[in-house]
Amino acid sequence: GALTGGARSVPWPTAGLAVTARAGGAWRAASLFELFSSGPRIGEARYEIGRSDLKTEASFNLDAGARWERGRVRAELDGYRNDISDYIYLAPTGDTISGLQVYRHQQADAVLRGVEASLEVQPVTDLTLRARFDAVEGTNQTTGEYLPLMPPPRGGLEAEYQTTELSWATRLYLSVEGEKYWTQTRLSSFDLATDGYQLLHFGAGIEKRVGSRPVRLDLRVRNAGNVSYRDFLSRYKQFALSPGRDIVVRLGADF
């Protein structure tokens, strides 16, 4: 259940600028896994132990943001703080059972703070450039340590070309995106650090009418450089790399 409240966007005296502010509260009861798990979870490569005395989480969230739009430029900045009483989290212990690392469900008062920013620019009609960044920090208020398994800061740059002015197709798009993941330095006691990394992705697609039906063909290439990396949030990072180059082709039609 949840109780929430807030304020909607409010126009600012400067044209194209709007600010938002929201406040809300919520609660969540512990799940059966969090309460009673006791055994291996092979699919996630860990041995998980629950706690039958977990209390109900209660949180209070504050967030504020600003959006600015002028012509072909759009920018957004948001920040938030979430205070959580009896926060339930899964933490590595440093022990192993049957070769699997042991994780225990824990509980403590916690604070999550984060920021998200994005920028979109359309220098010409068919070309859109995008940039984004987000980061979050979690602190255990009981011990003063960082919470485990918090995602590292990340950012991205993307360029997308899209046109409908074609004689042989109704739409064509081409895109290239670079992602950067920084090294997580805010670690809890048993977090395993991983190096930062950069990934490159490509996309392309066409849409064409066959009779009265639109048919779409899309090509996506993730991690085009086949970079070897370990995702900080991966359960397998101790003994396996994250996915390499991934090529996906999709054909779709409306019926």
Protein backbone atom coordinates (compact mmCIF):
# COMPACT_ATOMS: atom_id res chain seq x y z
CA GLY A 1 0.00 0.00 0.00
CA ALA A 2 1.07 3.60 -0.39
CA LEU A 3 0.15 7.15 0.53
CA THR A 4 1.45 9.76 -1.88
CA GLY A 5 1.15 13.46 -2.48
CA GLY A 6 2.88 16.17 -4.47
CA ALA A 7 2.80 19.20 -6.68
CA ARG A 8 2.48 19.24 -10.45
CA SER A 9 4.62 21.16 -12.94
CA VAL A 10 4.62 24.90 -12.36
CA PRO A 11 5.45 27.33 -15.21
CA TRP A 12 8.46 29.55 -14.52
CA PRO A 13 8.69 33.20 -15.55
CA THR A 14 11.34 32.24 -18.12
CA ALA A 15 9.68 30.97 -21.30
CA GLY A 16 10.06 27.24 -21.85
CA LEU A 17 11.03 26.43 -18.26
CA ALA A 18 8.95 24.35 -15.86
CA VAL A 19 9.78 23.07 -12.38
CA THR A 20 8.34 20.12 -10.51
CA ALA A 21 8.29 19.06 -6.87
CA ARG A 22 6.78 15.96 -5.34
CA ALA A 23 6.60 14.32 -1.93
CA GLY A 24 5.20 10.92 -1.10
CA GLY A 25 5.24 8.01 1.28
CA ALA A 26 4.85 4.27 0.81
CA TRP A 27 5.22 0.97 2.62
CA ARG A 28 6.09 -2.57 1.57
CA ALA A 29 5.87 -5.87 3.42
CA ALA A 30 8.67 -8.42 3.11
CA SER A 31 8.23 -11.09 0.45
CA LEU A 32 8.23 -14.83 1.12
CA PHE A 33 11.73 -15.13 -0.37
CA GLU A 34 13.04 -12.39 1.90
CA LEU A 35 11.49 -14.03 4.95
CA PHE A 36 12.03 -17.75 4.47
CA SER A 37 14.55 -18.51 1.71
CA SER A 38 17.31 -20.87 2.77
CA GLY A 39 19.17 -22.62 -0.01
CA PRO A 40 20.89 -22.31 -3.38
CA ARG A 41 19.51 -20.18 -6.19
CA ILE A 42 21.40 -21.74 -9.06
CA GLY A 43 19.90 -19.41 -11.65
CA GLU A 44 21.47 -16.44 -9.84
CA ALA A 45 24.64 -18.23 -8.68
CA ARG A 46 24.21 -17.62 -4.96
CA TYR A 47 23.12 -19.22 -1.70
CA GLU A 48 20.34 -17.11 -0.18
CA ILE A 49 19.25 -16.94 3.45
CA GLY A 50 16.17 -15.03 4.58
CA ARG A 51 15.11 -13.50 7.90
CA SER A 52 11.76 -14.37 9.40
CA ASP A 53 11.73 -11.28 11.66
CA LEU A 54 11.84 -8.66 8.89
CA LYS A 55 9.64 -5.64 9.53
CA THR A 56 7.58 -3.69 7.00
CA GLU A 57 9.48 -1.07 5.01
CA ALA A 58 8.24 2.53 5.18
CA SER A 59 9.60 5.31 2.98
CA PHE A 60 9.29 9.04 2.44
CA ASN A 61 10.46 10.43 -0.90
CA LEU A 62 11.21 13.97 -2.01
CA ASP A 63 12.11 14.82 -5.59
CA ALA A 64 12.42 17.99 -7.60
CA GLY A 65 13.27 18.75 -11.16
CA ALA A 66 13.42 21.31 -13.93
CA ARG A 67 12.62 20.99 -17.63
CA TRP A 68 13.60 23.53 -20.26
CA GLU A 69 12.57 23.55 -23.92
CA ARG A 70 13.37 26.10 -26.56
CA GLY A 71 13.03 25.37 -30.25
CA ARG A 72 14.96 22.20 -31.01
CA VAL A 73 16.65 21.95 -27.62
CA ARG A 74 15.24 20.10 -24.60
CA ALA A 75 16.95 19.62 -21.24
CA GLU A 76 15.87 18.00 -17.98
CA LEU A 77 17.42 17.72 -14.52
CA ASP A 78 15.93 15.75 -11.61
CA GLY A 79 17.12 14.95 -8.11
CA TYR A 80 15.61 12.88 -5.33
CA ARG A 81 16.06 11.75 -1.74
CA ASN A 82 14.29 8.67 -0.39
CA ASP A 83 14.40 7.98 3.36
CA ILE A 84 13.47 4.36 4.08
CA SER A 85 12.84 2.94 7.53
CA ASP A 86 13.65 -0.78 7.90
CA TYR A 87 14.98 -0.99 4.34
CA ILE A 88 15.25 -4.63 3.21
CA TYR A 89 18.30 -5.46 1.13
CA LEU A 90 20.29 -8.47 0.04
CA ALA A 91 23.95 -8.39 1.03
CA PRO A 92 26.90 -10.71 0.38
CA THR A 93 28.50 -12.11 3.54
CA GLY A 94 31.90 -13.21 2.27
CA ASP A 95 31.09 -16.88 3.06
CA THR A 96 30.46 -19.70 0.61
CA ILE A 97 28.32 -22.85 0.76
CA SER A 98 28.78 -25.58 -1.87
CA GLY A 99 30.85 -23.16 -3.93
CA LEU A 100 28.14 -20.48 -3.95
CA GLN A 101 28.56 -17.09 -2.28
CA VAL A 102 26.19 -16.64 0.64
CA TYR A 103 23.78 -13.69 0.60
CA ARG A 104 21.62 -12.76 3.57
CA HIS A 105 18.56 -10.53 3.68
CA GLN A 106 19.26 -7.65 6.02
CA GLN A 107 17.36 -4.64 7.30
CA ALA A 108 18.38 -1.12 8.32
CA ASP A 109 17.30 2.49 8.03
CA ALA A 110 18.64 3.83 4.73
CA VAL A 111 18.80 6.89 2.52
CA LEU A 112 18.92 6.83 -1.28
CA ARG A 113 20.01 9.98 -3.11
CA GLY A 114 20.16 10.33 -6.85
CA VAL A 115 20.33 12.63 -9.85
CA GLU A 116 19.26 12.24 -13.48
CA ALA A 117 20.04 14.60 -16.36
CA SER A 118 19.26 14.53 -20.07
CA LEU A 119 19.76 16.77 -23.09
CA GLU A 120 18.26 16.47 -26.58
CA VAL A 121 19.24 18.64 -29.53
CA GLN A 122 17.90 18.53 -33.09
CA PRO A 123 20.44 20.47 -35.19
CA VAL A 124 18.65 19.61 -38.44
CA THR A 125 15.21 18.16 -39.17
CA ASP A 126 16.25 14.52 -39.58
CA LEU A 127 19.02 14.32 -36.96
CA THR A 128 18.60 14.08 -33.16
CA LEU A 129 21.46 14.12 -30.66
CA ARG A 130 20.93 12.92 -27.07
CA ALA A 131 22.99 12.88 -23.89
CA ARG A 132 22.09 11.43 -20.49
CA PHE A 133 23.61 10.81 -17.07
CA ASP A 134 22.36 9.28 -13.83
CA ALA A 135 23.86 8.35 -10.47
CA VAL A 136 22.54 7.05 -7.14
CA GLU A 137 24.07 6.69 -3.69
CA GLY A 138 22.69 4.48 -0.93
CA THR A 139 23.73 4.80 2.71
CA ASN A 140 23.01 2.47 5.62
CA GLN A 141 22.00 4.88 8.38
CA THR A 142 22.51 2.24 11.05
CA THR A 143 26.18 1.49 10.28
CA GLY A 144 27.15 4.54 8.22
CA GLU A 145 28.35 2.27 5.38
CA TYR A 146 27.28 2.36 1.76
CA LEU A 147 24.48 -0.01 0.78
CA PRO A 148 25.55 -3.02 -1.31
CA LEU A 149 24.79 -3.48 -4.99
CA MET A 150 24.11 0.17 -5.80
CA PRO A 151 24.54 0.83 -9.56
CA PRO A 152 27.59 2.89 -10.58
CA PRO A 153 27.22 6.26 -12.33
CA ARG A 154 26.51 5.92 -16.03
CA GLY A 155 26.12 8.15 -19.05
CA GLY A 156 25.37 7.94 -22.73
CA LEU A 157 25.59 9.79 -26.04
CA GLU A 158 23.35 8.93 -28.99
CA ALA A 159 22.84 10.18 -32.54
CA GLU A 160 19.76 9.14 -34.51
CA TYR A 161 18.98 9.90 -38.14
CA GLN A 162 15.37 9.38 -39.21
CA THR A 163 13.62 10.29 -42.43
CA THR A 164 10.30 9.66 -44.13
CA GLU A 165 11.23 11.36 -47.40
CA LEU A 166 11.95 8.20 -49.38
CA SER A 167 10.40 6.79 -52.52
CA TRP A 168 11.11 3.14 -51.61
CA ALA A 169 10.17 3.16 -47.91
CA THR A 170 7.88 5.05 -45.54
CA ARG A 171 10.57 5.42 -42.85
CA LEU A 172 14.30 4.84 -42.37
CA TYR A 173 16.36 5.30 -39.22
CA LEU A 174 20.02 4.85 -38.30
CA SER A 175 21.42 5.23 -34.80
CA VAL A 176 24.71 4.99 -32.93
CA GLU A 177 25.03 5.10 -29.15
CA GLY A 178 27.95 5.09 -26.75
CA GLU A 179 27.52 4.17 -23.08
CA LYS A 180 29.98 4.72 -20.25
CA TYR A 181 29.80 3.01 -16.86
CA TRP A 182 32.12 4.38 -14.20
CA THR A 183 33.82 2.28 -11.53
CA GLN A 184 31.71 1.99 -8.39
CA THR A 185 33.84 3.35 -5.55
CA ARG A 186 31.08 3.57 -2.91
CA LEU A 187 31.28 -0.05 -1.79
CA SER A 188 29.87 -1.93 1.19
CA SER A 189 32.03 -4.34 3.17
CA PHE A 190 31.72 -7.36 0.86
CA ASP A 191 30.95 -5.70 -2.47
CA LEU A 192 33.23 -6.84 -5.27
CA ALA A 193 34.45 -3.90 -7.32
CA THR A 194 34.54 -4.06 -11.12
CA ASP A 195 36.30 -1.80 -13.61
CA GLY A 196 34.43 0.84 -15.54
CA TYR A 197 33.81 0.25 -19.23
CA GLN A 198 32.42 1.73 -22.44
CA LEU A 199 30.03 0.10 -24.90
CA LEU A 200 29.05 0.95 -28.47
CA HIS A 201 25.65 0.12 -29.97
CA PHE A 202 24.23 0.46 -33.49
CA GLY A 203 20.69 0.38 -34.80
CA ALA A 204 19.02 0.54 -38.19
CA GLY A 205 15.53 -0.05 -39.50
CA ILE A 206 13.15 0.49 -42.36
CA GLU A 207 9.38 0.53 -42.62
CA LYS A 208 7.57 -0.11 -45.89
CA ARG A 209 3.98 -0.70 -46.84
CA VAL A 210 3.21 -4.04 -48.44
CA GLY A 211 -0.29 -3.66 -49.76
CA SER A 212 -2.12 -1.85 -46.98
CA ARG A 213 0.05 -3.22 -44.17
CA PRO A 214 3.21 -1.59 -42.75
CA VAL A 215 6.14 -4.02 -42.49
CA ARG A 216 9.16 -3.20 -40.32
CA LEU A 217 12.68 -4.61 -40.39
CA ASP A 218 15.01 -3.71 -37.51
CA LEU A 219 18.65 -4.51 -36.83
CA ARG A 220 20.23 -3.95 -33.40
CA VAL A 221 23.87 -4.53 -32.52
CA ARG A 222 24.67 -4.30 -28.81
CA ASN A 223 28.27 -4.10 -27.63
CA ALA A 224 29.42 -3.83 -31.23
CA GLY A 225 33.09 -3.76 -30.19
CA ASN A 226 32.70 -7.06 -28.31
CA VAL A 227 34.18 -5.44 -25.20
CA SER A 228 35.05 -7.77 -22.31
CA TYR A 229 33.53 -6.34 -19.12
CA ARG A 230 31.88 -7.27 -15.85
CA ASP A 231 28.65 -5.54 -14.85
CA PHE A 232 28.86 -4.44 -11.23
CA LEU A 233 25.27 -5.62 -10.60
CA SER A 234 25.79 -9.04 -12.20
CA ARG A 235 25.55 -12.08 -9.91
CA TYR A 236 28.08 -13.83 -12.15
CA LYS A 237 30.83 -11.20 -12.13
CA GLN A 238 33.16 -13.32 -9.97
CA PHE A 239 33.45 -16.08 -12.55
CA ALA A 240 31.96 -14.92 -15.86
CA LEU A 241 32.04 -11.92 -18.17
CA SER A 242 28.93 -10.00 -19.15
CA PRO A 243 27.42 -10.59 -22.63
CA GLY A 244 29.59 -9.81 -25.65
CA ARG A 245 28.42 -8.67 -29.07
CA ASP A 246 24.68 -9.24 -29.51
CA ILE A 247 22.98 -8.97 -32.92
CA VAL A 248 19.18 -8.94 -33.09
CA VAL A 249 17.12 -8.86 -36.29
CA ARG A 250 13.36 -8.36 -36.03
CA LEU A 251 10.70 -8.46 -38.72
CA GLY A 252 7.24 -7.25 -37.84
CA ALA A 253 3.97 -6.35 -39.53
CA ASP A 254 0.57 -4.99 -38.50
CA PHE A 255 -2.41 -7.26 -39.18
